[in-house]
Amino acid sequence: MPSKRQHKKGTNHWQTVTRSVWVLFVFSLAGIAVYAGIYYEKNTVIEDVQFSGNYFTKSESLLEAIESPVGLYADSVDYVRISTDLKKLPYVNNVNVNMTLRGVLHFRVNEYEPIAMLVDGNRRVYVTGGGIKLPIKPGKARDVPIVYGFPATPANDTLQTIAFKHVEEFLRAAKQNDTGWVTISEITWNEHEGVVALTHEYAVKLIFGQDNFHEKLMHWEAFYTEVVMRKGMNRFSSIDLRFRDQIVTKHS
């Protein structure tokens, strides 16, 4: 009669063999999949090109920006070059590509998202994070605050000043604060007061300074909920939120 030790050894040996067979099977499947992918790519002719994810950029504009790969084998296409050409368009931030079983080359477009509208005299452009200027497209509006005090031209020149970085920081904080984003309509900057905003209602001046915008927006939210909604926005001409322990108001 075999001992328990021999029985255990036999069991472990069988488990090792089973595990090895399973690993080999998995790697074989992976190899087959890779080979099938290479074979499919080499023998697939591109029948059509489609785009998705684009809102500001028309699909026609995207197609015009590249040399059409229709009729070419999938493995002969320079996808890096196509992505580079597409990213030359103002709103295109990034592009991902994949091929469908029907020979359709599909581009998933990731576009820049405006955080404000920059107004400079009679010129208007959208601006995104990092100070990238974007043209305004008819019928493609975004409900974002208006920012004054920065040049709208040249279009390919990003805003890199310290002043805009403060404004951008404020915009990002405001977007995370429901009350701040809903109540504020216009924003500007000056060296003395820092970020200055006007409310949608009665254009009351809000002074936020140069830092700690999350905290100051929370103070504005509390003041708006507890005081403004009770007394009315028309009772105030300016509200200064720069100070840690107090909110200074001027009445109209």
C-alpha atoms as a PDB file:
ATOM      1  CA  MET A   1       0.000   0.000   0.000  1.00  0.00           C
ATOM      2  CA  PRO A   2       1.488   3.400  -1.023  1.00  0.00           C
ATOM      3  CA  SER A   3       2.264   5.776   1.785  1.00  0.00           C
ATOM      4  CA  LYS A   4       0.572   9.145   2.254  1.00  0.00           C
ATOM      5  CA  ARG A   5       3.817  10.856   1.250  1.00  0.00           C
ATOM      6  CA  GLN A   6       3.888   8.961  -2.061  1.00  0.00           C
ATOM      7  CA  HIS A   7       0.238   9.798  -2.676  1.00  0.00           C
ATOM      8  CA  LYS A   8       0.869  13.504  -2.005  1.00  0.00           C
ATOM      9  CA  LYS A   9       3.915  13.475  -4.279  1.00  0.00           C
ATOM     10  CA  GLY A  10       1.884  11.933  -7.057  1.00  0.00           C
ATOM     11  CA  THR A  11      -0.863  14.506  -6.619  1.00  0.00           C
ATOM     12  CA  ASN A  12       1.613  17.395  -6.736  1.00  0.00           C
ATOM     13  CA  HIS A  13       3.218  15.944  -9.867  1.00  0.00           C
ATOM     14  CA  TRP A  14      -0.192  15.711 -11.565  1.00  0.00           C
ATOM     15  CA  GLN A  15      -1.015  19.306 -10.574  1.00  0.00           C
ATOM     16  CA  THR A  16       2.338  20.504 -11.980  1.00  0.00           C
ATOM     17  CA  VAL A  17       1.725  18.699 -15.270  1.00  0.00           C
ATOM     18  CA  THR A  18      -1.819  20.100 -15.495  1.00  0.00           C
ATOM     19  CA  ARG A  19      -0.581  23.610 -14.786  1.00  0.00           C
ATOM     20  CA  SER A  20       2.158  23.301 -17.427  1.00  0.00           C
ATOM     21  CA  VAL A  21      -0.319  22.050 -20.026  1.00  0.00           C
ATOM     22  CA  TRP A  22      -2.665  24.931 -19.219  1.00  0.00           C
ATOM     23  CA  VAL A  23       0.102  27.538 -19.509  1.00  0.00           C
ATOM     24  CA  LEU A  24       1.194  26.042 -22.821  1.00  0.00           C
ATOM     25  CA  PHE A  25      -2.408  26.151 -24.037  1.00  0.00           C
ATOM     26  CA  VAL A  26      -2.795  29.816 -23.083  1.00  0.00           C
ATOM     27  CA  PHE A  27       0.449  30.800 -24.807  1.00  0.00           C
ATOM     28  CA  SER A  28      -0.594  28.821 -27.874  1.00  0.00           C
ATOM     29  CA  LEU A  29      -3.883  30.721 -28.025  1.00  0.00           C
ATOM     30  CA  ALA A  30      -2.034  34.013 -27.657  1.00  0.00           C
ATOM     31  CA  GLY A  31       0.346  33.054 -30.457  1.00  0.00           C
ATOM     32  CA  ILE A  32      -2.553  32.065 -32.699  1.00  0.00           C
ATOM     33  CA  ALA A  33      -4.293  35.367 -31.966  1.00  0.00           C
ATOM     34  CA  VAL A  34      -1.169  37.371 -32.811  1.00  0.00           C
ATOM     35  CA  TYR A  35      -0.641  35.413 -36.012  1.00  0.00           C
ATOM     36  CA  ALA A  36      -4.296  35.830 -36.963  1.00  0.00           C
ATOM     37  CA  GLY A  37      -4.054  39.567 -36.317  1.00  0.00           C
ATOM     38  CA  ILE A  38      -0.957  39.899 -38.500  1.00  0.00           C
ATOM     39  CA  TYR A  39      -2.547  37.789 -41.241  1.00  0.00           C
ATOM     40  CA  TYR A  40      -5.770  39.775 -41.044  1.00  0.00           C
ATOM     41  CA  GLU A  41      -3.956  43.116 -41.209  1.00  0.00           C
ATOM     42  CA  LYS A  42      -1.817  42.055 -44.171  1.00  0.00           C
ATOM     43  CA  ASN A  43      -4.797  40.787 -46.127  1.00  0.00           C
ATOM     44  CA  THR A  44      -7.416  43.417 -45.264  1.00  0.00           C
ATOM     45  CA  VAL A  45      -8.127  46.190 -47.734  1.00  0.00           C
ATOM     46  CA  ILE A  46      -9.499  49.365 -46.188  1.00  0.00           C
ATOM     47  CA  GLU A  47     -13.025  49.882 -47.504  1.00  0.00           C
ATOM     48  CA  ASP A  48     -14.037  52.994 -45.579  1.00  0.00           C
ATOM     49  CA  VAL A  49     -12.897  55.535 -42.979  1.00  0.00           C
ATOM     50  CA  GLN A  50     -15.105  56.624 -40.087  1.00  0.00           C
ATOM     51  CA  PHE A  51     -14.690  59.065 -37.199  1.00  0.00           C
ATOM     52  CA  SER A  52     -16.301  59.294 -33.778  1.00  0.00           C
ATOM     53  CA  GLY A  53     -15.874  61.464 -30.685  1.00  0.00           C
ATOM     54  CA  ASN A  54     -15.591  64.656 -32.735  1.00  0.00           C
ATOM     55  CA  TYR A  55     -17.998  67.491 -31.883  1.00  0.00           C
ATOM     56  CA  PHE A  56     -16.298  70.742 -32.874  1.00  0.00           C
ATOM     57  CA  THR A  57     -14.511  69.214 -35.880  1.00  0.00           C
ATOM     58  CA  LYS A  58     -16.593  68.029 -38.818  1.00  0.00           C
ATOM     59  CA  SER A  59     -15.872  64.542 -40.133  1.00  0.00           C
ATOM     60  CA  GLU A  60     -15.406  66.086 -43.581  1.00  0.00           C
ATOM     61  CA  SER A  61     -12.615  68.291 -42.199  1.00  0.00           C
ATOM     62  CA  LEU A  62     -10.952  65.280 -40.595  1.00  0.00           C
ATOM     63  CA  LEU A  63     -11.092  63.329 -43.838  1.00  0.00           C
ATOM     64  CA  GLU A  64      -9.696  66.257 -45.825  1.00  0.00           C
ATOM     65  CA  ALA A  65      -6.751  66.541 -43.408  1.00  0.00           C
ATOM     66  CA  ILE A  66      -5.345  63.115 -44.360  1.00  0.00           C
ATOM     67  CA  GLU A  67      -4.433  61.185 -47.478  1.00  0.00           C
ATOM     68  CA  SER A  68      -7.274  58.729 -47.941  1.00  0.00           C
ATOM     69  CA  PRO A  69      -6.185  55.172 -47.072  1.00  0.00           C
ATOM     70  CA  VAL A  70      -9.233  53.645 -48.781  1.00  0.00           C
ATOM     71  CA  GLY A  71      -8.168  50.882 -51.141  1.00  0.00           C
ATOM     72  CA  LEU A  72      -4.855  50.264 -49.344  1.00  0.00           C
ATOM     73  CA  TYR A  73      -3.884  47.182 -47.342  1.00  0.00           C
ATOM     74  CA  ALA A  74      -4.132  47.876 -43.617  1.00  0.00           C
ATOM     75  CA  ASP A  75      -0.488  47.025 -42.933  1.00  0.00           C
ATOM     76  CA  SER A  76       0.743  49.540 -45.542  1.00  0.00           C
ATOM     77  CA  VAL A  77      -0.843  52.577 -43.879  1.00  0.00           C
ATOM     78  CA  ASP A  78       1.303  55.042 -41.906  1.00  0.00           C
ATOM     79  CA  TYR A  79      -0.959  55.482 -38.879  1.00  0.00           C
ATOM     80  CA  VAL A  80       1.510  57.745 -37.066  1.00  0.00           C
ATOM     81  CA  ARG A  81       1.493  60.178 -39.971  1.00  0.00           C
ATOM     82  CA  ILE A  82      -2.310  60.137 -40.155  1.00  0.00           C
ATOM     83  CA  SER A  83      -2.591  60.858 -36.418  1.00  0.00           C
ATOM     84  CA  THR A  84      -0.049  63.674 -36.761  1.00  0.00           C
ATOM     85  CA  ASP A  85      -1.995  65.221 -39.641  1.00  0.00           C
ATOM     86  CA  LEU A  86      -5.272  65.011 -37.731  1.00  0.00           C
ATOM     87  CA  LYS A  87      -3.750  66.649 -34.653  1.00  0.00           C
ATOM     88  CA  LYS A  88      -2.855  69.689 -36.772  1.00  0.00           C
ATOM     89  CA  LEU A  89      -6.549  70.597 -36.704  1.00  0.00           C
ATOM     90  CA  PRO A  90      -7.307  73.087 -33.883  1.00  0.00           C
ATOM     91  CA  TYR A  91      -9.580  70.975 -31.692  1.00  0.00           C
ATOM     92  CA  VAL A  92      -7.962  67.546 -32.134  1.00  0.00           C
ATOM     93  CA  ASN A  93      -6.009  66.575 -29.032  1.00  0.00           C
ATOM     94  CA  ASN A  94      -5.460  62.853 -29.603  1.00  0.00           C
ATOM     95  CA  VAL A  95      -6.544  60.035 -31.930  1.00  0.00           C
ATOM     96  CA  ASN A  96      -6.948  56.278 -31.428  1.00  0.00           C
ATOM     97  CA  VAL A  97      -7.417  53.951 -34.398  1.00  0.00           C
ATOM     98  CA  ASN A  98      -8.706  50.433 -34.917  1.00  0.00           C
ATOM     99  CA  MET A  99      -9.836  48.268 -37.820  1.00  0.00           C
ATOM    100  CA  THR A 100     -13.242  46.576 -37.904  1.00  0.00           C
ATOM    101  CA  LEU A 101     -13.880  43.161 -39.443  1.00  0.00           C
ATOM    102  CA  ARG A 102     -15.627  44.869 -42.363  1.00  0.00           C
ATOM    103  CA  GLY A 103     -12.468  46.715 -43.394  1.00  0.00           C
ATOM    104  CA  VAL A 104     -13.556  50.006 -41.866  1.00  0.00           C
ATOM    105  CA  LEU A 105     -10.755  52.114 -40.411  1.00  0.00           C
ATOM    106  CA  HIS A 106     -12.221  53.787 -37.324  1.00  0.00           C
ATOM    107  CA  PHE A 107     -10.665  56.859 -35.698  1.00  0.00           C
ATOM    108  CA  ARG A 108     -11.738  57.753 -32.168  1.00  0.00           C
ATOM    109  CA  VAL A 109     -11.064  61.482 -31.803  1.00  0.00           C
ATOM    110  CA  ASN A 110     -10.387  63.148 -28.458  1.00  0.00           C
ATOM    111  CA  GLU A 111     -10.943  66.910 -28.678  1.00  0.00           C
ATOM    112  CA  TYR A 112      -9.784  69.783 -26.493  1.00  0.00           C
ATOM    113  CA  GLU A 113     -12.562  71.093 -24.257  1.00  0.00           C
ATOM    114  CA  PRO A 114     -12.966  74.873 -23.782  1.00  0.00           C
ATOM    115  CA  ILE A 115     -12.913  76.169 -20.211  1.00  0.00           C
ATOM    116  CA  ALA A 116     -13.727  79.797 -21.107  1.00  0.00           C
ATOM    117  CA  MET A 117     -14.450  82.199 -23.947  1.00  0.00           C
ATOM    118  CA  LEU A 118     -11.715  84.781 -24.406  1.00  0.00           C
ATOM    119  CA  VAL A 119     -12.991  88.211 -25.503  1.00  0.00           C
ATOM    120  CA  ASP A 120     -10.499  90.720 -26.862  1.00  0.00           C
ATOM    121  CA  GLY A 121     -12.246  93.715 -28.424  1.00  0.00           C
ATOM    122  CA  ASN A 122     -14.367  92.325 -31.258  1.00  0.00           C
ATOM    123  CA  ARG A 123     -12.385  89.076 -31.369  1.00  0.00           C
ATOM    124  CA  ARG A 124     -13.591  85.976 -29.575  1.00  0.00           C
ATOM    125  CA  VAL A 125     -11.963  82.575 -29.163  1.00  0.00           C
ATOM    126  CA  TYR A 126     -12.367  79.669 -26.819  1.00  0.00           C
ATOM    127  CA  VAL A 127      -9.469  78.811 -24.531  1.00  0.00           C
ATOM    128  CA  THR A 128      -8.661  75.457 -22.983  1.00  0.00           C
ATOM    129  CA  GLY A 129      -6.372  74.206 -20.255  1.00  0.00           C
ATOM    130  CA  GLY A 130      -2.792  75.264 -20.832  1.00  0.00           C
ATOM    131  CA  GLY A 131      -3.907  78.437 -22.616  1.00  0.00           C
ATOM    132  CA  ILE A 132      -4.599  76.849 -26.016  1.00  0.00           C
ATOM    133  CA  LYS A 133      -6.790  79.098 -28.162  1.00  0.00           C
ATOM    134  CA  LEU A 134      -9.567  77.488 -30.170  1.00  0.00           C
ATOM    135  CA  PRO A 135     -11.755  79.015 -32.893  1.00  0.00           C
ATOM    136  CA  ILE A 136     -15.445  79.421 -32.223  1.00  0.00           C
ATOM    137  CA  LYS A 137     -17.512  77.155 -34.451  1.00  0.00           C
ATOM    138  CA  PRO A 138     -21.020  78.253 -35.512  1.00  0.00           C
ATOM    139  CA  GLY A 139     -23.655  76.135 -33.811  1.00  0.00           C
ATOM    140  CA  LYS A 140     -21.085  74.508 -31.518  1.00  0.00           C
ATOM    141  CA  ALA A 141     -21.415  76.574 -28.353  1.00  0.00           C
ATOM    142  CA  ARG A 142     -20.230  75.809 -24.843  1.00  0.00           C
ATOM    143  CA  ASP A 143     -21.716  77.428 -21.744  1.00  0.00           C
ATOM    144  CA  VAL A 144     -18.491  78.717 -20.217  1.00  0.00           C
ATOM    145  CA  PRO A 145     -17.487  81.958 -18.464  1.00  0.00           C
ATOM    146  CA  ILE A 146     -16.166  84.927 -20.444  1.00  0.00           C
ATOM    147  CA  VAL A 147     -12.574  85.976 -19.751  1.00  0.00           C
ATOM    148  CA  TYR A 148     -11.234  89.479 -20.459  1.00  0.00           C
ATOM    149  CA  GLY A 149      -7.734  90.928 -20.410  1.00  0.00           C
ATOM    150  CA  PHE A 150      -5.805  88.491 -22.630  1.00  0.00           C
ATOM    151  CA  PRO A 151      -4.949  88.636 -26.358  1.00  0.00           C
ATOM    152  CA  ALA A 152      -7.073  86.543 -28.716  1.00  0.00           C
ATOM    153  CA  THR A 153      -4.422  86.633 -31.435  1.00  0.00           C
ATOM    154  CA  PRO A 154      -2.293  85.084 -32.747  1.00  0.00           C
ATOM    155  CA  ALA A 155      -4.415  81.947 -32.689  1.00  0.00           C
ATOM    156  CA  ASN A 156      -1.471  79.551 -32.487  1.00  0.00           C
ATOM    157  CA  ASP A 157       0.096  81.348 -29.516  1.00  0.00           C
ATOM    158  CA  THR A 158      -0.769  79.747 -26.174  1.00  0.00           C
ATOM    159  CA  LEU A 159      -1.314  81.845 -23.068  1.00  0.00           C
ATOM    160  CA  GLN A 160       1.610  81.157 -20.749  1.00  0.00           C
ATOM    161  CA  THR A 161       1.603  84.207 -18.476  1.00  0.00           C
ATOM    162  CA  ILE A 162       1.428  83.946 -14.697  1.00  0.00           C
ATOM    163  CA  ALA A 163      -1.798  85.953 -14.802  1.00  0.00           C
ATOM    164  CA  PHE A 164      -3.528  83.418 -17.063  1.00  0.00           C
ATOM    165  CA  LYS A 165      -2.256  80.518 -14.969  1.00  0.00           C
ATOM    166  CA  HIS A 166      -4.043  82.084 -11.969  1.00  0.00           C
ATOM    167  CA  VAL A 167      -7.216  82.520 -14.016  1.00  0.00           C
ATOM    168  CA  GLU A 168      -6.994  78.939 -15.278  1.00  0.00           C
ATOM    169  CA  GLU A 169      -6.547  77.660 -11.726  1.00  0.00           C
ATOM    170  CA  PHE A 170      -9.612  79.624 -10.686  1.00  0.00           C
ATOM    171  CA  LEU A 171     -11.664  78.277 -13.622  1.00  0.00           C
ATOM    172  CA  ARG A 172     -10.788  74.686 -12.745  1.00  0.00           C
ATOM    173  CA  ALA A 173     -11.755  75.262  -9.115  1.00  0.00           C
ATOM    174  CA  ALA A 174     -14.983  76.999 -10.113  1.00  0.00           C
ATOM    175  CA  LYS A 175     -16.001  74.130 -12.368  1.00  0.00           C
ATOM    176  CA  GLN A 176     -15.845  71.805  -9.364  1.00  0.00           C
ATOM    177  CA  ASN A 177     -18.084  74.124  -7.355  1.00  0.00           C
ATOM    178  CA  ASP A 178     -21.713  74.065  -8.490  1.00  0.00           C
ATOM    179  CA  THR A 179     -22.582  77.469  -7.065  1.00  0.00           C
ATOM    180  CA  GLY A 180     -19.430  79.082  -8.411  1.00  0.00           C
ATOM    181  CA  TRP A 181     -19.899  77.743 -11.929  1.00  0.00           C
ATOM    182  CA  VAL A 182     -23.587  78.702 -12.099  1.00  0.00           C
ATOM    183  CA  THR A 183     -23.370  82.191 -10.597  1.00  0.00           C
ATOM    184  CA  ILE A 184     -20.253  83.539 -12.360  1.00  0.00           C
ATOM    185  CA  SER A 185     -20.437  84.972 -15.877  1.00  0.00           C
ATOM    186  CA  GLU A 186     -17.317  87.084 -16.510  1.00  0.00           C
ATOM    187  CA  ILE A 187     -13.747  86.928 -15.225  1.00  0.00           C
ATOM    188  CA  THR A 188     -10.749  89.217 -15.452  1.00  0.00           C
ATOM    189  CA  TRP A 189      -7.433  89.742 -13.698  1.00  0.00           C
ATOM    190  CA  ASN A 190      -5.532  92.673 -12.236  1.00  0.00           C
ATOM    191  CA  GLU A 191      -2.348  92.786 -10.195  1.00  0.00           C
ATOM    192  CA  HIS A 192      -3.974  94.450  -7.191  1.00  0.00           C
ATOM    193  CA  GLU A 193      -7.096  92.303  -6.746  1.00  0.00           C
ATOM    194  CA  GLY A 194      -6.109  89.110  -8.584  1.00  0.00           C
ATOM    195  CA  VAL A 195      -9.038  87.180 -10.051  1.00  0.00           C
ATOM    196  CA  VAL A 196     -12.172  89.307 -10.301  1.00  0.00           C
ATOM    197  CA  ALA A 197     -15.503  87.891 -11.427  1.00  0.00           C
ATOM    198  CA  LEU A 198     -18.963  89.265 -12.132  1.00  0.00           C
ATOM    199  CA  THR A 199     -22.135  87.416 -11.220  1.00  0.00           C
ATOM    200  CA  HIS A 200     -24.773  86.533 -13.792  1.00  0.00           C
ATOM    201  CA  GLU A 201     -27.359  88.353 -11.720  1.00  0.00           C
ATOM    202  CA  TYR A 202     -26.859  92.132 -11.305  1.00  0.00           C
ATOM    203  CA  ALA A 203     -23.160  91.890 -12.285  1.00  0.00           C
ATOM    204  CA  VAL A 204     -21.966  91.996  -8.667  1.00  0.00           C
ATOM    205  CA  LYS A 205     -18.171  92.156  -8.389  1.00  0.00           C
ATOM    206  CA  LEU A 206     -16.539  89.173  -6.659  1.00  0.00           C
ATOM    207  CA  ILE A 207     -12.883  89.487  -5.657  1.00  0.00           C
ATOM    208  CA  PHE A 208     -11.025  86.162  -5.242  1.00  0.00           C
ATOM    209  CA  GLY A 209      -7.372  87.226  -5.051  1.00  0.00           C
ATOM    210  CA  GLN A 210      -4.508  85.060  -6.312  1.00  0.00           C
ATOM    211  CA  ASP A 211      -4.705  81.707  -4.524  1.00  0.00           C
ATOM    212  CA  ASN A 212      -6.724  79.255  -2.387  1.00  0.00           C
ATOM    213  CA  PHE A 213      -9.559  79.359  -4.902  1.00  0.00           C
ATOM    214  CA  HIS A 214     -11.232  76.140  -3.735  1.00  0.00           C
ATOM    215  CA  GLU A 215     -11.537  77.542  -0.219  1.00  0.00           C
ATOM    216  CA  LYS A 216     -12.722  80.962  -1.395  1.00  0.00           C
ATOM    217  CA  LEU A 217     -15.332  79.413  -3.663  1.00  0.00           C
ATOM    218  CA  MET A 218     -16.627  77.414  -0.707  1.00  0.00           C
ATOM    219  CA  HIS A 219     -16.895  80.702   1.233  1.00  0.00           C
ATOM    220  CA  TRP A 220     -18.745  82.240  -1.704  1.00  0.00           C
ATOM    221  CA  GLU A 221     -21.094  79.231  -1.835  1.00  0.00           C
ATOM    222  CA  ALA A 222     -21.853  79.569   1.882  1.00  0.00           C
ATOM    223  CA  PHE A 223     -22.339  83.336   1.630  1.00  0.00           C
ATOM    224  CA  TYR A 224     -24.583  82.960  -1.414  1.00  0.00           C
ATOM    225  CA  THR A 225     -26.717  80.303   0.268  1.00  0.00           C
ATOM    226  CA  GLU A 226     -26.995  81.943   3.682  1.00  0.00           C
ATOM    227  CA  VAL A 227     -27.003  85.659   2.825  1.00  0.00           C
ATOM    228  CA  VAL A 228     -27.545  86.437  -0.852  1.00  0.00           C
ATOM    229  CA  MET A 229     -30.532  84.131  -1.276  1.00  0.00           C
ATOM    230  CA  ARG A 230     -32.144  85.743   1.767  1.00  0.00           C
ATOM    231  CA  LYS A 231     -31.350  89.407   1.090  1.00  0.00           C
ATOM    232  CA  GLY A 232     -31.119  89.370  -2.709  1.00  0.00           C
ATOM    233  CA  MET A 233     -28.156  89.897  -5.042  1.00  0.00           C
ATOM    234  CA  ASN A 234     -29.273  93.464  -5.787  1.00  0.00           C
ATOM    235  CA  ARG A 235     -28.307  94.481  -2.248  1.00  0.00           C
ATOM    236  CA  PHE A 236     -24.593  94.176  -3.041  1.00  0.00           C
ATOM    237  CA  SER A 237     -22.204  95.954  -5.402  1.00  0.00           C
ATOM    238  CA  SER A 238     -19.051  94.010  -4.491  1.00  0.00           C
ATOM    239  CA  ILE A 239     -18.063  91.036  -2.340  1.00  0.00           C
ATOM    240  CA  ASP A 240     -14.407  90.620  -1.360  1.00  0.00           C
ATOM    241  CA  LEU A 241     -13.409  87.019  -0.547  1.00  0.00           C
ATOM    242  CA  ARG A 242      -9.650  87.504  -0.223  1.00  0.00           C
ATOM    243  CA  PHE A 243      -9.515  87.467   3.568  1.00  0.00           C
ATOM    244  CA  ARG A 244      -9.370  84.289   5.620  1.00  0.00           C
ATOM    245  CA  ASP A 245     -11.733  85.202   8.461  1.00  0.00           C
ATOM    246  CA  GLN A 246     -14.141  87.663   6.898  1.00  0.00           C
ATOM    247  CA  ILE A 247     -16.054  88.592   3.769  1.00  0.00           C
ATOM    248  CA  VAL A 248     -16.055  92.315   3.017  1.00  0.00           C
ATOM    249  CA  THR A 249     -19.124  93.590   1.191  1.00  0.00           C
ATOM    250  CA  LYS A 250     -20.180  96.878  -0.328  1.00  0.00           C
ATOM    251  CA  HIS A 251     -23.873  97.563  -0.594  1.00  0.00           C
ATOM    252  CA  SER A 252     -25.495  99.085  -3.618  1.00  0.00           C
END
